[in-house]
Amino acid sequence: MDIFGADIPFAAHCGIEPIGFEDGRTRLRVRAAPEHTNNLGIVHGGLICTLLDIAMGTAARCTAGLPVMTLDMQASFLSPGRGEMTAEGRVLRAGRSIVFCEADVRTAEGELVAKASGIFKPLRAKGSA
């Protein structure tokens, strides 16, 4: 699946789809299905972390103009994920070698499900400055 100019097969596997990119912020959506839940019947934290990671990574990539790799990610879960959820990723600060980002995930009703911060490394082609 193409998400803001990048093919991310795992996003398609998870059902994550792009909503938009505006003012340096990426917005993504996932509609929770039974296969996304854990034994408690709520969305598995792995899907929420994937959504957070892709939201931050796409914001970093769109800002840096290069592919990026996640170096570090910290996530906090605040309420159960259910139904349709949206994520917004944004860049806090971008340097030549690393990009600092944050993201949050909310339910369709606007309840904060999780938030994260991450550090991403732009990947330049070997031999380029």
C-alpha atoms as a PDB file:
ATOM      1  CA  MET A   1       0.000   0.000   0.000  1.00  0.00           C
ATOM      2  CA  ASP A   2       1.298   3.455  -0.909  1.00  0.00           C
ATOM      3  CA  ILE A   3       1.404   5.761   2.095  1.00  0.00           C
ATOM      4  CA  PHE A   4       2.520   9.259   1.150  1.00  0.00           C
ATOM      5  CA  GLY A   5       4.843   7.989  -1.570  1.00  0.00           C
ATOM      6  CA  ALA A   6       6.205   4.835   0.090  1.00  0.00           C
ATOM      7  CA  ASP A   7       5.123   1.232  -0.355  1.00  0.00           C
ATOM      8  CA  ILE A   8       4.667  -0.232   3.142  1.00  0.00           C
ATOM      9  CA  PRO A   9       3.417  -3.843   2.765  1.00  0.00           C
ATOM     10  CA  PHE A  10       2.987  -4.328   6.520  1.00  0.00           C
ATOM     11  CA  ALA A  11       0.621  -1.333   6.658  1.00  0.00           C
ATOM     12  CA  ALA A  12      -1.576  -3.008   4.037  1.00  0.00           C
ATOM     13  CA  HIS A  13      -1.454  -6.275   6.000  1.00  0.00           C
ATOM     14  CA  CYS A  14      -2.647  -4.418   9.120  1.00  0.00           C
ATOM     15  CA  GLY A  15      -5.329  -2.450   7.256  1.00  0.00           C
ATOM     16  CA  ILE A  16      -3.678   0.925   7.894  1.00  0.00           C
ATOM     17  CA  GLU A  17      -4.609   3.562   5.327  1.00  0.00           C
ATOM     18  CA  PRO A  18      -3.496   7.151   4.739  1.00  0.00           C
ATOM     19  CA  ILE A  19      -5.923  10.006   5.351  1.00  0.00           C
ATOM     20  CA  GLY A  20      -3.720  12.989   4.572  1.00  0.00           C
ATOM     21  CA  PHE A  21      -0.499  14.924   4.922  1.00  0.00           C
ATOM     22  CA  GLU A  22      -0.758  18.611   5.740  1.00  0.00           C
ATOM     23  CA  ASP A  23       1.410  21.156   7.577  1.00  0.00           C
ATOM     24  CA  GLY A  24       4.055  18.514   8.332  1.00  0.00           C
ATOM     25  CA  ARG A  25       1.525  16.175   9.929  1.00  0.00           C
ATOM     26  CA  THR A  26       0.512  12.759   8.677  1.00  0.00           C
ATOM     27  CA  ARG A  27      -2.881  11.248   9.436  1.00  0.00           C
ATOM     28  CA  LEU A  28      -3.620   7.533   9.199  1.00  0.00           C
ATOM     29  CA  ARG A  29      -6.624   5.327   9.949  1.00  0.00           C
ATOM     30  CA  VAL A  30      -7.267   1.705  10.869  1.00  0.00           C
ATOM     31  CA  ARG A  31     -10.610   0.012  11.365  1.00  0.00           C
ATOM     32  CA  ALA A  32     -10.237  -2.654  14.034  1.00  0.00           C
ATOM     33  CA  ALA A  33     -11.336  -6.113  12.956  1.00  0.00           C
ATOM     34  CA  PRO A  34     -11.640  -9.261  15.085  1.00  0.00           C
ATOM     35  CA  GLU A  35      -8.136 -10.347  14.044  1.00  0.00           C
ATOM     36  CA  HIS A  36      -6.726  -7.119  15.524  1.00  0.00           C
ATOM     37  CA  THR A  37      -7.914  -7.889  19.056  1.00  0.00           C
ATOM     38  CA  ASN A  38      -6.310  -9.578  22.030  1.00  0.00           C
ATOM     39  CA  ASN A  39      -7.856 -12.004  24.524  1.00  0.00           C
ATOM     40  CA  LEU A  40      -9.647  -9.086  26.240  1.00  0.00           C
ATOM     41  CA  GLY A  41     -11.462  -8.146  23.027  1.00  0.00           C
ATOM     42  CA  ILE A  42      -9.649  -4.825  22.644  1.00  0.00           C
ATOM     43  CA  VAL A  43      -7.171  -3.826  19.934  1.00  0.00           C
ATOM     44  CA  HIS A  44      -3.781  -5.468  20.436  1.00  0.00           C
ATOM     45  CA  GLY A  45      -1.020  -3.098  21.503  1.00  0.00           C
ATOM     46  CA  GLY A  46       1.121  -4.295  18.604  1.00  0.00           C
ATOM     47  CA  LEU A  47      -1.309  -2.810  16.085  1.00  0.00           C
ATOM     48  CA  ILE A  48      -1.437   0.461  18.016  1.00  0.00           C
ATOM     49  CA  CYS A  49       2.390   0.616  18.142  1.00  0.00           C
ATOM     50  CA  THR A  50       2.549  -0.109  14.411  1.00  0.00           C
ATOM     51  CA  LEU A  51       0.094   2.716  13.759  1.00  0.00           C
ATOM     52  CA  LEU A  52       2.154   5.093  15.927  1.00  0.00           C
ATOM     53  CA  ASP A  53       5.432   4.042  14.265  1.00  0.00           C
ATOM     54  CA  ILE A  54       4.101   4.487  10.728  1.00  0.00           C
ATOM     55  CA  ALA A  55       2.533   7.867  11.619  1.00  0.00           C
ATOM     56  CA  MET A  56       5.841   9.173  12.982  1.00  0.00           C
ATOM     57  CA  GLY A  57       7.946   7.502  10.285  1.00  0.00           C
ATOM     58  CA  THR A  58       5.918   8.951   7.439  1.00  0.00           C
ATOM     59  CA  ALA A  59       6.055  12.426   9.001  1.00  0.00           C
ATOM     60  CA  ALA A  60       9.842  12.065   9.313  1.00  0.00           C
ATOM     61  CA  ARG A  61      10.187  10.767   5.735  1.00  0.00           C
ATOM     62  CA  CYS A  62       8.011  13.511   4.251  1.00  0.00           C
ATOM     63  CA  THR A  63      10.014  16.143   6.156  1.00  0.00           C
ATOM     64  CA  ALA A  64      13.490  14.723   5.422  1.00  0.00           C
ATOM     65  CA  GLY A  65      12.700  13.807   1.826  1.00  0.00           C
ATOM     66  CA  LEU A  66      14.464  10.476   2.372  1.00  0.00           C
ATOM     67  CA  PRO A  67      13.519   7.013   3.619  1.00  0.00           C
ATOM     68  CA  VAL A  68      13.881   6.726   7.405  1.00  0.00           C
ATOM     69  CA  MET A  69      14.578   3.977   9.905  1.00  0.00           C
ATOM     70  CA  THR A  70      13.202   3.889  13.452  1.00  0.00           C
ATOM     71  CA  LEU A  71      16.026   4.168  16.003  1.00  0.00           C
ATOM     72  CA  ASP A  72      13.931   4.461  19.170  1.00  0.00           C
ATOM     73  CA  MET A  73      10.260   4.580  20.102  1.00  0.00           C
ATOM     74  CA  GLN A  74       8.517   5.045  23.443  1.00  0.00           C
ATOM     75  CA  ALA A  75       4.775   4.402  23.680  1.00  0.00           C
ATOM     76  CA  SER A  76       2.221   4.987  26.421  1.00  0.00           C
ATOM     77  CA  PHE A  77      -1.219   3.372  26.378  1.00  0.00           C
ATOM     78  CA  LEU A  78      -3.981   5.456  27.951  1.00  0.00           C
ATOM     79  CA  SER A  79      -7.259   3.736  27.068  1.00  0.00           C
ATOM     80  CA  PRO A  80      -8.469   0.665  25.158  1.00  0.00           C
ATOM     81  CA  GLY A  81      -8.439   0.795  21.381  1.00  0.00           C
ATOM     82  CA  ARG A  82     -11.716  -0.109  19.664  1.00  0.00           C
ATOM     83  CA  GLY A  83     -13.431   0.459  16.332  1.00  0.00           C
ATOM     84  CA  GLU A  84     -11.983   3.024  13.977  1.00  0.00           C
ATOM     85  CA  MET A  85      -8.832   4.737  15.181  1.00  0.00           C
ATOM     86  CA  THR A  86      -6.835   7.579  13.680  1.00  0.00           C
ATOM     87  CA  ALA A  87      -3.203   8.501  14.242  1.00  0.00           C
ATOM     88  CA  GLU A  88      -1.461  11.796  13.728  1.00  0.00           C
ATOM     89  CA  GLY A  89       2.328  11.929  13.406  1.00  0.00           C
ATOM     90  CA  ARG A  90       4.412  15.098  13.527  1.00  0.00           C
ATOM     91  CA  VAL A  91       8.034  16.152  13.493  1.00  0.00           C
ATOM     92  CA  LEU A  92       9.271  17.985  16.569  1.00  0.00           C
ATOM     93  CA  ARG A  93      12.762  18.671  15.253  1.00  0.00           C
ATOM     94  CA  ALA A  94      14.641  17.565  12.153  1.00  0.00           C
ATOM     95  CA  GLY A  95      18.396  17.519  11.812  1.00  0.00           C
ATOM     96  CA  ARG A  96      20.647  16.062   9.106  1.00  0.00           C
ATOM     97  CA  SER A  97      21.205  12.775  10.901  1.00  0.00           C
ATOM     98  CA  ILE A  98      18.142  12.274  13.126  1.00  0.00           C
ATOM     99  CA  VAL A  99      14.512  13.375  13.261  1.00  0.00           C
ATOM    100  CA  PHE A 100      12.531  13.628  16.515  1.00  0.00           C
ATOM    101  CA  CYS A 101       8.808  12.873  16.205  1.00  0.00           C
ATOM    102  CA  GLU A 102       5.665  12.288  18.208  1.00  0.00           C
ATOM    103  CA  ALA A 103       2.274  10.747  17.455  1.00  0.00           C
ATOM    104  CA  ASP A 104      -1.034   9.973  19.058  1.00  0.00           C
ATOM    105  CA  VAL A 105      -3.876   7.558  18.356  1.00  0.00           C
ATOM    106  CA  ARG A 106      -7.512   8.421  19.029  1.00  0.00           C
ATOM    107  CA  THR A 107     -10.835   6.653  18.712  1.00  0.00           C
ATOM    108  CA  ALA A 108     -13.515   7.965  16.340  1.00  0.00           C
ATOM    109  CA  GLU A 109     -15.010   9.724  19.369  1.00  0.00           C
ATOM    110  CA  GLY A 110     -11.709  11.544  20.009  1.00  0.00           C
ATOM    111  CA  GLU A 111     -10.606   9.567  23.083  1.00  0.00           C
ATOM    112  CA  LEU A 112      -6.816   9.372  23.400  1.00  0.00           C
ATOM    113  CA  VAL A 113      -5.766   5.708  23.127  1.00  0.00           C
ATOM    114  CA  ALA A 114      -1.965   6.024  23.013  1.00  0.00           C
ATOM    115  CA  LYS A 115       0.858   8.438  22.399  1.00  0.00           C
ATOM    116  CA  ALA A 116       4.471   7.957  21.402  1.00  0.00           C
ATOM    117  CA  SER A 117       7.745   9.687  20.757  1.00  0.00           C
ATOM    118  CA  GLY A 118      10.369   8.417  18.384  1.00  0.00           C
ATOM    119  CA  ILE A 119      13.754   9.052  16.843  1.00  0.00           C
ATOM    120  CA  PHE A 120      14.258   8.335  13.142  1.00  0.00           C
ATOM    121  CA  LYS A 121      17.380   8.220  10.976  1.00  0.00           C
ATOM    122  CA  PRO A 122      17.174   9.435   7.374  1.00  0.00           C
ATOM    123  CA  LEU A 123      18.843   6.893   5.073  1.00  0.00           C
ATOM    124  CA  ARG A 124      21.037   8.390   2.393  1.00  0.00           C
ATOM    125  CA  ALA A 125      22.428   6.374  -0.480  1.00  0.00           C
ATOM    126  CA  LYS A 126      25.959   5.106   0.137  1.00  0.00           C
ATOM    127  CA  GLY A 127      28.551   7.569  -1.072  1.00  0.00           C
ATOM    128  CA  SER A 128      26.251  10.619  -0.865  1.00  0.00           C
ATOM    129  CA  ALA A 129      26.892  13.501   1.510  1.00  0.00           C
END
